[in-house]
Amino acid sequence: MSHSQLLERELLPDDCLDSTSFIDTDDDAIREISYRVAGAGEPTDRAVRIFNYVRDQVQYEFRAKLSQDEYKASRVIADGRGFCVQKAVLLSALLRAADIPAAIVLCDLKDHTLPPRIVEAMGTETMFHHGLNAIFLDNCWLLVDLHSKVTH
């Protein structure tokens, strides 16, 4: 696959609603939390509430995980913490449980705000495979990062 084909890949909203082995939307805890946090209202309002919940209530833990089970949304919610990829998995699961199409996006992100001890340990300011989300709202895909503030 060429670079241009990767950039032109079409992401269909209907393909981003199902449960998967990691985005385990069908888990009872995921469904309950999604319903409670999203509440009623327009999809954008519900998405913002879910985004803020994951950003603010799930502690960021700067530590990659070794087992596949630790990447499941239901495990992240049970642990109450995770790093960017885990939190992106959880956000996708909670949004999908609220019938809002969502996907995970991985990117390399240069982060000038990293503490010097982290930069020294990693040998770079670049966060490789940083976890973001694509959310389908108002007939378009939006790219969101749980490490930013969202107001609506």
C-alpha atoms as a PDB file:
ATOM      1  CA  MET A   1       0.000   0.000   0.000  1.00  0.00           C
ATOM      2  CA  SER A   2       1.448   3.345  -0.985  1.00  0.00           C
ATOM      3  CA  HIS A   3       1.601   6.376   1.283  1.00  0.00           C
ATOM      4  CA  SER A   4      -1.137   8.156  -0.707  1.00  0.00           C
ATOM      5  CA  GLN A   5      -3.469   5.164  -0.340  1.00  0.00           C
ATOM      6  CA  LEU A   6      -3.041   5.302   3.424  1.00  0.00           C
ATOM      7  CA  LEU A   7      -4.000   8.971   3.487  1.00  0.00           C
ATOM      8  CA  GLU A   8      -7.039   8.383   1.283  1.00  0.00           C
ATOM      9  CA  ARG A   9      -8.459   5.517   3.337  1.00  0.00           C
ATOM     10  CA  GLU A  10     -12.155   5.986   3.870  1.00  0.00           C
ATOM     11  CA  LEU A  11     -13.476   5.390   7.352  1.00  0.00           C
ATOM     12  CA  LEU A  12     -17.166   4.495   7.293  1.00  0.00           C
ATOM     13  CA  PRO A  13     -19.188   5.513  10.369  1.00  0.00           C
ATOM     14  CA  ASP A  14     -21.225   2.288  10.378  1.00  0.00           C
ATOM     15  CA  ASP A  15     -17.983   0.318  10.661  1.00  0.00           C
ATOM     16  CA  CYS A  16     -17.109   2.231  13.825  1.00  0.00           C
ATOM     17  CA  LEU A  17     -20.038   1.275  16.041  1.00  0.00           C
ATOM     18  CA  ASP A  18     -19.398  -2.405  16.706  1.00  0.00           C
ATOM     19  CA  SER A  19     -17.717  -3.988  19.678  1.00  0.00           C
ATOM     20  CA  THR A  20     -14.261  -5.515  19.138  1.00  0.00           C
ATOM     21  CA  SER A  21     -11.921  -7.545  21.306  1.00  0.00           C
ATOM     22  CA  PHE A  22     -10.347  -4.328  22.667  1.00  0.00           C
ATOM     23  CA  ILE A  23     -13.143  -1.789  22.139  1.00  0.00           C
ATOM     24  CA  ASP A  24     -15.483  -4.048  24.105  1.00  0.00           C
ATOM     25  CA  THR A  25     -18.584  -1.906  23.829  1.00  0.00           C
ATOM     26  CA  ASP A  26     -20.788  -4.851  24.788  1.00  0.00           C
ATOM     27  CA  ASP A  27     -19.267  -5.044  28.292  1.00  0.00           C
ATOM     28  CA  ASP A  28     -21.873  -4.243  30.987  1.00  0.00           C
ATOM     29  CA  ALA A  29     -19.672  -1.706  32.798  1.00  0.00           C
ATOM     30  CA  ILE A  30     -18.868   0.108  29.547  1.00  0.00           C
ATOM     31  CA  ARG A  31     -22.541   0.317  28.591  1.00  0.00           C
ATOM     32  CA  GLU A  32     -23.617   1.496  32.079  1.00  0.00           C
ATOM     33  CA  ILE A  33     -20.950   4.198  32.303  1.00  0.00           C
ATOM     34  CA  SER A  34     -21.616   5.369  28.750  1.00  0.00           C
ATOM     35  CA  TYR A  35     -25.351   5.665  29.440  1.00  0.00           C
ATOM     36  CA  ARG A  36     -24.816   7.451  32.761  1.00  0.00           C
ATOM     37  CA  VAL A  37     -22.159   9.884  31.514  1.00  0.00           C
ATOM     38  CA  ALA A  38     -23.579  10.641  28.057  1.00  0.00           C
ATOM     39  CA  GLY A  39     -27.050  11.434  29.338  1.00  0.00           C
ATOM     40  CA  ALA A  40     -29.644  12.828  26.986  1.00  0.00           C
ATOM     41  CA  GLY A  41     -29.241  15.383  24.259  1.00  0.00           C
ATOM     42  CA  GLU A  42     -27.584  15.885  20.922  1.00  0.00           C
ATOM     43  CA  PRO A  43     -24.738  13.578  19.892  1.00  0.00           C
ATOM     44  CA  THR A  44     -22.185  16.404  20.147  1.00  0.00           C
ATOM     45  CA  ASP A  45     -23.217  17.199  23.724  1.00  0.00           C
ATOM     46  CA  ARG A  46     -23.090  13.515  24.689  1.00  0.00           C
ATOM     47  CA  ALA A  47     -19.690  13.087  23.008  1.00  0.00           C
ATOM     48  CA  VAL A  48     -18.240  16.069  24.891  1.00  0.00           C
ATOM     49  CA  ARG A  49     -19.477  14.677  28.220  1.00  0.00           C
ATOM     50  CA  ILE A  50     -17.923  11.267  27.479  1.00  0.00           C
ATOM     51  CA  PHE A  51     -14.670  12.885  26.298  1.00  0.00           C
ATOM     52  CA  ASN A  52     -14.444  14.979  29.460  1.00  0.00           C
ATOM     53  CA  TYR A  53     -15.196  11.935  31.621  1.00  0.00           C
ATOM     54  CA  VAL A  54     -12.338   9.890  30.140  1.00  0.00           C
ATOM     55  CA  ARG A  55      -9.971  12.855  30.169  1.00  0.00           C
ATOM     56  CA  ASP A  56     -10.748  13.903  33.757  1.00  0.00           C
ATOM     57  CA  GLN A  57     -11.829  10.725  35.580  1.00  0.00           C
ATOM     58  CA  VAL A  58      -9.423   8.146  34.168  1.00  0.00           C
ATOM     59  CA  GLN A  59      -5.969   8.854  35.535  1.00  0.00           C
ATOM     60  CA  TYR A  60      -3.159   9.201  33.008  1.00  0.00           C
ATOM     61  CA  GLU A  61      -0.405   6.701  33.689  1.00  0.00           C
ATOM     62  CA  PHE A  62       2.820   7.143  31.739  1.00  0.00           C
ATOM     63  CA  ARG A  63       3.568   3.438  31.382  1.00  0.00           C
ATOM     64  CA  ALA A  64       3.064   1.164  28.411  1.00  0.00           C
ATOM     65  CA  LYS A  65       1.395  -2.167  29.143  1.00  0.00           C
ATOM     66  CA  LEU A  66       2.651  -5.615  28.239  1.00  0.00           C
ATOM     67  CA  SER A  67      -0.447  -7.822  28.148  1.00  0.00           C
ATOM     68  CA  GLN A  68      -3.233  -7.566  25.591  1.00  0.00           C
ATOM     69  CA  ASP A  69      -5.856  -7.689  28.349  1.00  0.00           C
ATOM     70  CA  GLU A  70      -4.578  -4.363  29.699  1.00  0.00           C
ATOM     71  CA  TYR A  71      -5.635  -2.694  26.435  1.00  0.00           C
ATOM     72  CA  LYS A  72      -9.319  -3.682  26.688  1.00  0.00           C
ATOM     73  CA  ALA A  73     -11.640  -0.783  27.436  1.00  0.00           C
ATOM     74  CA  SER A  74     -13.335  -2.748  30.226  1.00  0.00           C
ATOM     75  CA  ARG A  75      -9.954  -3.321  31.896  1.00  0.00           C
ATOM     76  CA  VAL A  76      -8.994   0.358  31.585  1.00  0.00           C
ATOM     77  CA  ILE A  77     -12.251   1.427  33.236  1.00  0.00           C
ATOM     78  CA  ALA A  78     -11.810  -1.181  35.985  1.00  0.00           C
ATOM     79  CA  ASP A  79      -8.216  -0.040  36.639  1.00  0.00           C
ATOM     80  CA  GLY A  80      -9.218   3.643  36.493  1.00  0.00           C
ATOM     81  CA  ARG A  81      -5.993   4.567  34.709  1.00  0.00           C
ATOM     82  CA  GLY A  82      -4.116   4.189  31.473  1.00  0.00           C
ATOM     83  CA  PHE A  83      -1.823   5.884  29.019  1.00  0.00           C
ATOM     84  CA  CYS A  84      -2.882   7.587  25.788  1.00  0.00           C
ATOM     85  CA  VAL A  85      -3.592   4.453  23.735  1.00  0.00           C
ATOM     86  CA  GLN A  86      -5.591   2.819  26.511  1.00  0.00           C
ATOM     87  CA  LYS A  87      -7.603   5.970  27.098  1.00  0.00           C
ATOM     88  CA  ALA A  88      -8.278   6.237  23.343  1.00  0.00           C
ATOM     89  CA  VAL A  89      -9.557   2.642  23.355  1.00  0.00           C
ATOM     90  CA  LEU A  90     -11.833   3.472  26.286  1.00  0.00           C
ATOM     91  CA  LEU A  91     -13.125   6.660  24.654  1.00  0.00           C
ATOM     92  CA  SER A  92     -13.975   4.723  21.484  1.00  0.00           C
ATOM     93  CA  ALA A  93     -15.840   2.080  23.497  1.00  0.00           C
ATOM     94  CA  LEU A  94     -17.873   4.578  25.520  1.00  0.00           C
ATOM     95  CA  LEU A  95     -18.764   6.609  22.413  1.00  0.00           C
ATOM     96  CA  ARG A  96     -19.766   3.506  20.459  1.00  0.00           C
ATOM     97  CA  ALA A  97     -21.928   2.396  23.391  1.00  0.00           C
ATOM     98  CA  ALA A  98     -23.685   5.778  23.037  1.00  0.00           C
ATOM     99  CA  ASP A  99     -24.212   5.090  19.284  1.00  0.00           C
ATOM    100  CA  ILE A 100     -21.568   7.635  18.287  1.00  0.00           C
ATOM    101  CA  PRO A 101     -19.105   6.285  15.691  1.00  0.00           C
ATOM    102  CA  ALA A 102     -15.528   6.399  16.950  1.00  0.00           C
ATOM    103  CA  ALA A 103     -12.120   5.004  16.015  1.00  0.00           C
ATOM    104  CA  ILE A 104      -8.571   5.017  17.306  1.00  0.00           C
ATOM    105  CA  VAL A 105      -5.876   6.978  15.488  1.00  0.00           C
ATOM    106  CA  LEU A 106      -2.170   6.522  16.175  1.00  0.00           C
ATOM    107  CA  CYS A 107       0.322   9.257  15.359  1.00  0.00           C
ATOM    108  CA  ASP A 108       3.811  10.423  16.222  1.00  0.00           C
ATOM    109  CA  LEU A 109       3.529  13.591  18.299  1.00  0.00           C
ATOM    110  CA  LYS A 110       6.348  15.951  19.245  1.00  0.00           C
ATOM    111  CA  ASP A 111       5.521  17.105  22.764  1.00  0.00           C
ATOM    112  CA  HIS A 112       7.516  20.113  23.980  1.00  0.00           C
ATOM    113  CA  THR A 113       5.733  19.986  27.352  1.00  0.00           C
ATOM    114  CA  LEU A 114       7.259  16.681  28.478  1.00  0.00           C
ATOM    115  CA  PRO A 115       9.235  16.910  31.703  1.00  0.00           C
ATOM    116  CA  PRO A 116      13.024  16.787  31.151  1.00  0.00           C
ATOM    117  CA  ARG A 117      13.326  13.460  33.021  1.00  0.00           C
ATOM    118  CA  ILE A 118      10.881  11.839  30.553  1.00  0.00           C
ATOM    119  CA  VAL A 119      12.684  13.285  27.520  1.00  0.00           C
ATOM    120  CA  GLU A 120      15.977  12.030  28.930  1.00  0.00           C
ATOM    121  CA  ALA A 121      14.566   8.549  29.593  1.00  0.00           C
ATOM    122  CA  MET A 122      13.011   8.313  26.109  1.00  0.00           C
ATOM    123  CA  GLY A 123      15.845  10.103  24.313  1.00  0.00           C
ATOM    124  CA  THR A 124      13.342  12.243  22.390  1.00  0.00           C
ATOM    125  CA  GLU A 125      10.401  14.651  22.704  1.00  0.00           C
ATOM    126  CA  THR A 126       8.453  12.551  20.200  1.00  0.00           C
ATOM    127  CA  MET A 127       5.676  10.363  21.533  1.00  0.00           C
ATOM    128  CA  PHE A 128       5.584   7.484  19.064  1.00  0.00           C
ATOM    129  CA  HIS A 129       2.178   5.880  18.420  1.00  0.00           C
ATOM    130  CA  HIS A 130       0.333   8.477  20.494  1.00  0.00           C
ATOM    131  CA  GLY A 131      -3.346   7.513  20.829  1.00  0.00           C
ATOM    132  CA  LEU A 132      -5.991   9.899  19.491  1.00  0.00           C
ATOM    133  CA  ASN A 133      -9.602   9.404  18.417  1.00  0.00           C
ATOM    134  CA  ALA A 134     -11.668  10.078  15.338  1.00  0.00           C
ATOM    135  CA  ILE A 135     -15.300  10.834  16.200  1.00  0.00           C
ATOM    136  CA  PHE A 136     -18.068  11.111  13.614  1.00  0.00           C
ATOM    137  CA  LEU A 137     -20.334  14.073  14.450  1.00  0.00           C
ATOM    138  CA  ASP A 138     -22.447  16.308  12.216  1.00  0.00           C
ATOM    139  CA  ASN A 139     -21.578  14.213   9.141  1.00  0.00           C
ATOM    140  CA  CYS A 140     -17.819  14.616   9.438  1.00  0.00           C
ATOM    141  CA  TRP A 141     -14.896  13.033  11.218  1.00  0.00           C
ATOM    142  CA  LEU A 142     -13.249  15.061  13.982  1.00  0.00           C
ATOM    143  CA  LEU A 143      -9.818  14.269  15.349  1.00  0.00           C
ATOM    144  CA  VAL A 144      -9.620  14.656  19.137  1.00  0.00           C
ATOM    145  CA  ASP A 145      -6.842  14.229  21.667  1.00  0.00           C
ATOM    146  CA  LEU A 146      -7.634  13.398  25.295  1.00  0.00           C
ATOM    147  CA  HIS A 147      -4.700  15.563  26.294  1.00  0.00           C
ATOM    148  CA  SER A 148      -6.483  18.747  25.243  1.00  0.00           C
ATOM    149  CA  LYS A 149      -9.335  20.752  26.717  1.00  0.00           C
ATOM    150  CA  VAL A 150     -12.769  20.545  25.076  1.00  0.00           C
ATOM    151  CA  THR A 151     -15.520  23.003  25.797  1.00  0.00           C
ATOM    152  CA  HIS A 152     -18.904  23.115  24.226  1.00  0.00           C
END
